[in-house]
Amino acid sequence: MPRLAALGALAAAATAAVWTAAAPDDAALPLLLLAVALLVAGVSWIEAGPGAAREVTLVATLAAVAGAGRVLLAAVPGVQPVTVIAVAAGAALGARAGFATGALAALVSNLFLGQGPWTPWQMLGWGACGLAGAALRSSIRHRVAFAAACFVLGFAFSALMDLWLWLSFWPHTWEALTVVYGRGVWFSAAHAVGNVVIALAVGPELRRLLERYGRRLRTEVVWA
């Protein structure tokens, strides 16, 4: 069933993408449907994988901590711990846990900061940060490399959100795109620099803590 749901969601995502390309001036709705379909496919992929109640609890806890940190730092535009925590979760626990942590953190924090058509794209963006952490796990063991990855992902996340904003609500011209990215450049820079500060402070330690906990989750006790 999860595989069938994932295939159905991917088919819906492809349809929404075609709709977006066919009617770019009315892209807000198809882009929203595209994001929701991709999230359904991601949830189905997570459900299809191996898991345990303790791992689910750990991911939920990480997402709650990331979401709470984002809410607490809401007064500082762009600065929040979600990217760093999602990358650490992906590197330590795997792609599924990283994606789930980032996506759930966005959903939970927006219960306090405000839900809207941006929420599915934020979930996808931070879920992708978790996937990147899993893909780069062998390259980001050192503190500086971890911080550098989070710096790049901070700009990448902001670029994704600016692109969604432009496609959904702005005229599809290069001038409008330049205005959108120009307006958000300071927010993007704050996000990236904040990621560096948080990653340098706690990134590797958080990853090692999660790796130890992950090994305990995978340990099976066999009674003779």
Foldseek 3Di string as FASTA:
>chain_A
DLVVLLVVLVVQLVVLVVVCVVCLVANLVSVLSNLVSVVSNLVSVLVPDDDDPVLVVVLVVLLVVQLVQCLVCVVPQQAGCLLLSLLLLCLQQHLSSSLSSQLSNLVVNCVPVPDDSCNSLSSRLSSVSNNVSNVCNVPQLDLVSSLVSLLVSLLVSLLSSLVSCCSNPHPPDPVSSCVSCVVCVVSSNNNSVSSNVVSNVCRNVSSVVSNVVNVVVVDDDDDD
